[in-house]
Amino acid sequence: MHSRIPVVFSPLMSINAEVTKTGTENALATIRKFSRRVQGAGLVRTVRKGRYFARDASKIVKKKRALKLIKRRAEFKQLVKEGKVAEPAPRRGSYGDRQGSTPRTTETTHIPR
């Protein structure tokens, strides 16, 4: 009895690893043979290499996203102007506005005892 086990890792890949079971071969040996075939074809390496790959957004998608953001900000500004939404408090803790702050006395000044 011959059984074939075709495996495709991804619909985008065109490499198949196929193993045929011979008459006296048990399931464990067939799995081992399949593992060697997959490793020899470099399928595992290929799949792992493309694992975290993210395609860059196209120009059209970037433009649409930017236009949507501009529109949303304009609508929010209009709602703030009409008084329907409270104006958000300025963000705290960013590194950009360190220039106007005064140094802490405990960190910078030495206190003699």
C-alpha atoms as a PDB file:
ATOM      1  CA  MET A   1       0.000   0.000   0.000  1.00  0.00           C
ATOM      2  CA  HIS A   2       1.426   3.363  -1.064  1.00  0.00           C
ATOM      3  CA  SER A   3       0.199   6.581   0.499  1.00  0.00           C
ATOM      4  CA  ARG A   4       1.313  10.054  -0.493  1.00  0.00           C
ATOM      5  CA  ILE A   5       1.536  12.945   1.908  1.00  0.00           C
ATOM      6  CA  PRO A   6       1.747  16.244  -0.002  1.00  0.00           C
ATOM      7  CA  VAL A   7       2.374  19.302   2.154  1.00  0.00           C
ATOM      8  CA  VAL A   8       2.255  22.952   1.188  1.00  0.00           C
ATOM      9  CA  PHE A   9       3.354  25.411   3.883  1.00  0.00           C
ATOM     10  CA  SER A  10       1.808  28.483   2.338  1.00  0.00           C
ATOM     11  CA  PRO A  11      -0.544  29.162  -0.569  1.00  0.00           C
ATOM     12  CA  LEU A  12       2.099  31.533  -1.957  1.00  0.00           C
ATOM     13  CA  MET A  13       4.823  28.885  -2.014  1.00  0.00           C
ATOM     14  CA  SER A  14       5.110  26.477  -4.882  1.00  0.00           C
ATOM     15  CA  ILE A  15       7.463  23.941  -3.294  1.00  0.00           C
ATOM     16  CA  ASN A  16       5.883  20.687  -2.148  1.00  0.00           C
ATOM     17  CA  ALA A  17       7.490  18.014  -0.038  1.00  0.00           C
ATOM     18  CA  GLU A  18       6.080  14.642  -1.002  1.00  0.00           C
ATOM     19  CA  VAL A  19       6.832  11.313   0.655  1.00  0.00           C
ATOM     20  CA  THR A  20       5.696   7.869  -0.479  1.00  0.00           C
ATOM     21  CA  LYS A  21       5.317   5.160   2.128  1.00  0.00           C
ATOM     22  CA  THR A  22       6.740   1.800   1.091  1.00  0.00           C
ATOM     23  CA  GLY A  23       5.129  -1.501   2.089  1.00  0.00           C
ATOM     24  CA  THR A  24       7.246  -2.367   5.132  1.00  0.00           C
ATOM     25  CA  GLU A  25       7.828   1.170   6.364  1.00  0.00           C
ATOM     26  CA  ASN A  26       6.101   2.224   9.571  1.00  0.00           C
ATOM     27  CA  ALA A  27       4.567   5.658  10.246  1.00  0.00           C
ATOM     28  CA  LEU A  28       7.520   6.906  12.301  1.00  0.00           C
ATOM     29  CA  ALA A  29       9.988   6.160   9.496  1.00  0.00           C
ATOM     30  CA  THR A  30       7.705   7.929   7.002  1.00  0.00           C
ATOM     31  CA  ILE A  31       7.570  11.009   9.221  1.00  0.00           C
ATOM     32  CA  ARG A  32      11.364  10.930   9.586  1.00  0.00           C
ATOM     33  CA  LYS A  33      11.764  10.658   5.810  1.00  0.00           C
ATOM     34  CA  PHE A  34       9.357  13.576   5.353  1.00  0.00           C
ATOM     35  CA  SER A  35      11.290  15.711   7.869  1.00  0.00           C
ATOM     36  CA  ARG A  36      14.550  15.063   6.026  1.00  0.00           C
ATOM     37  CA  ARG A  37      12.947  15.886   2.674  1.00  0.00           C
ATOM     38  CA  VAL A  38      11.551  19.172   4.017  1.00  0.00           C
ATOM     39  CA  GLN A  39      14.877  20.114   5.598  1.00  0.00           C
ATOM     40  CA  GLY A  40      16.771  19.243   2.431  1.00  0.00           C
ATOM     41  CA  ALA A  41      14.474  21.390   0.301  1.00  0.00           C
ATOM     42  CA  GLY A  42      15.085  24.335   2.642  1.00  0.00           C
ATOM     43  CA  LEU A  43      11.375  24.858   3.334  1.00  0.00           C
ATOM     44  CA  VAL A  44      11.741  25.466   7.050  1.00  0.00           C
ATOM     45  CA  ARG A  45      14.447  28.077   6.509  1.00  0.00           C
ATOM     46  CA  THR A  46      12.366  29.796   3.832  1.00  0.00           C
ATOM     47  CA  VAL A  47       9.243  29.912   5.976  1.00  0.00           C
ATOM     48  CA  ARG A  48      11.124  31.183   9.029  1.00  0.00           C
ATOM     49  CA  LYS A  49      12.853  33.844   6.939  1.00  0.00           C
ATOM     50  CA  GLY A  50       9.541  35.262   5.747  1.00  0.00           C
ATOM     51  CA  ARG A  51       7.834  34.907   9.106  1.00  0.00           C
ATOM     52  CA  TYR A  52       7.928  38.559  10.228  1.00  0.00           C
ATOM     53  CA  PHE A  53       8.137  40.148   6.792  1.00  0.00           C
ATOM     54  CA  ALA A  54       5.600  42.918   6.372  1.00  0.00           C
ATOM     55  CA  ARG A  55       5.065  44.465   2.983  1.00  0.00           C
ATOM     56  CA  ASP A  56       5.384  48.240   2.734  1.00  0.00           C
ATOM     57  CA  ALA A  57       2.146  50.102   2.149  1.00  0.00           C
ATOM     58  CA  SER A  58       1.659  51.361  -1.395  1.00  0.00           C
ATOM     59  CA  LYS A  59       1.588  55.078  -2.249  1.00  0.00           C
ATOM     60  CA  ILE A  60      -2.187  55.039  -2.659  1.00  0.00           C
ATOM     61  CA  VAL A  61      -2.731  53.421   0.734  1.00  0.00           C
ATOM     62  CA  LYS A  62      -0.369  55.932   2.408  1.00  0.00           C
ATOM     63  CA  LYS A  63      -2.168  58.869   0.765  1.00  0.00           C
ATOM     64  CA  LYS A  64      -5.593  57.577   1.768  1.00  0.00           C
ATOM     65  CA  ARG A  65      -4.443  57.070   5.352  1.00  0.00           C
ATOM     66  CA  ALA A  66      -2.949  60.576   5.473  1.00  0.00           C
ATOM     67  CA  LEU A  67      -6.097  62.165   4.036  1.00  0.00           C
ATOM     68  CA  LYS A  68      -8.266  60.305   6.523  1.00  0.00           C
ATOM     69  CA  LEU A  69      -6.048  61.527   9.378  1.00  0.00           C
ATOM     70  CA  ILE A  70      -6.193  65.141   8.153  1.00  0.00           C
ATOM     71  CA  LYS A  71      -9.981  64.939   7.867  1.00  0.00           C
ATOM     72  CA  ARG A  72     -10.332  63.452  11.360  1.00  0.00           C
ATOM     73  CA  ARG A  73      -8.124  66.171  12.876  1.00  0.00           C
ATOM     74  CA  ALA A  74     -10.070  68.917  11.112  1.00  0.00           C
ATOM     75  CA  GLU A  75     -13.375  67.488  12.374  1.00  0.00           C
ATOM     76  CA  PHE A  76     -11.989  67.294  15.917  1.00  0.00           C
ATOM     77  CA  LYS A  77     -10.754  70.901  15.754  1.00  0.00           C
ATOM     78  CA  GLN A  78     -14.205  71.966  14.567  1.00  0.00           C
ATOM     79  CA  LEU A  79     -15.876  70.121  17.449  1.00  0.00           C
ATOM     80  CA  VAL A  80     -13.487  71.782  19.926  1.00  0.00           C
ATOM     81  CA  LYS A  81     -14.262  75.173  18.372  1.00  0.00           C
ATOM     82  CA  GLU A  82     -18.019  74.556  18.693  1.00  0.00           C
ATOM     83  CA  GLY A  83     -17.561  73.479  22.309  1.00  0.00           C
ATOM     84  CA  LYS A  84     -18.955  69.991  21.789  1.00  0.00           C
ATOM     85  CA  VAL A  85     -15.699  68.334  22.869  1.00  0.00           C
ATOM     86  CA  ALA A  86     -13.360  69.416  25.649  1.00  0.00           C
ATOM     87  CA  GLU A  87      -9.906  70.409  24.473  1.00  0.00           C
ATOM     88  CA  PRO A  88      -7.394  67.688  25.350  1.00  0.00           C
ATOM     89  CA  ALA A  89      -4.809  68.438  28.021  1.00  0.00           C
ATOM     90  CA  PRO A  90      -1.246  68.822  26.711  1.00  0.00           C
ATOM     91  CA  ARG A  91       0.753  65.631  26.905  1.00  0.00           C
ATOM     92  CA  ARG A  92       3.220  65.220  29.730  1.00  0.00           C
ATOM     93  CA  GLY A  93       6.481  63.375  29.941  1.00  0.00           C
ATOM     94  CA  SER A  94       7.780  63.894  26.438  1.00  0.00           C
ATOM     95  CA  TYR A  95      11.471  64.621  26.044  1.00  0.00           C
ATOM     96  CA  GLY A  96      10.879  67.594  23.762  1.00  0.00           C
ATOM     97  CA  ASP A  97       9.793  70.075  26.442  1.00  0.00           C
ATOM     98  CA  ARG A  98      12.675  69.664  28.901  1.00  0.00           C
ATOM     99  CA  GLN A  99      14.231  73.036  28.107  1.00  0.00           C
ATOM    100  CA  GLY A 100      11.892  75.147  30.272  1.00  0.00           C
ATOM    101  CA  SER A 101      11.887  72.916  33.339  1.00  0.00           C
ATOM    102  CA  THR A 102      13.957  73.666  36.431  1.00  0.00           C
ATOM    103  CA  PRO A 103      16.345  71.046  37.812  1.00  0.00           C
ATOM    104  CA  ARG A 104      15.340  69.152  40.927  1.00  0.00           C
ATOM    105  CA  THR A 105      17.198  70.242  44.048  1.00  0.00           C
ATOM    106  CA  THR A 106      17.773  66.741  45.368  1.00  0.00           C
ATOM    107  CA  GLU A 107      19.450  65.537  42.191  1.00  0.00           C
ATOM    108  CA  THR A 108      21.756  68.397  41.283  1.00  0.00           C
ATOM    109  CA  THR A 109      22.620  70.365  44.420  1.00  0.00           C
ATOM    110  CA  HIS A 110      24.842  68.985  47.090  1.00  0.00           C
ATOM    111  CA  ILE A 111      23.560  69.693  50.603  1.00  0.00           C
ATOM    112  CA  PRO A 112      26.375  69.860  53.200  1.00  0.00           C
ATOM    113  CA  ARG A 113      25.681  68.234  56.545  1.00  0.00           C
END
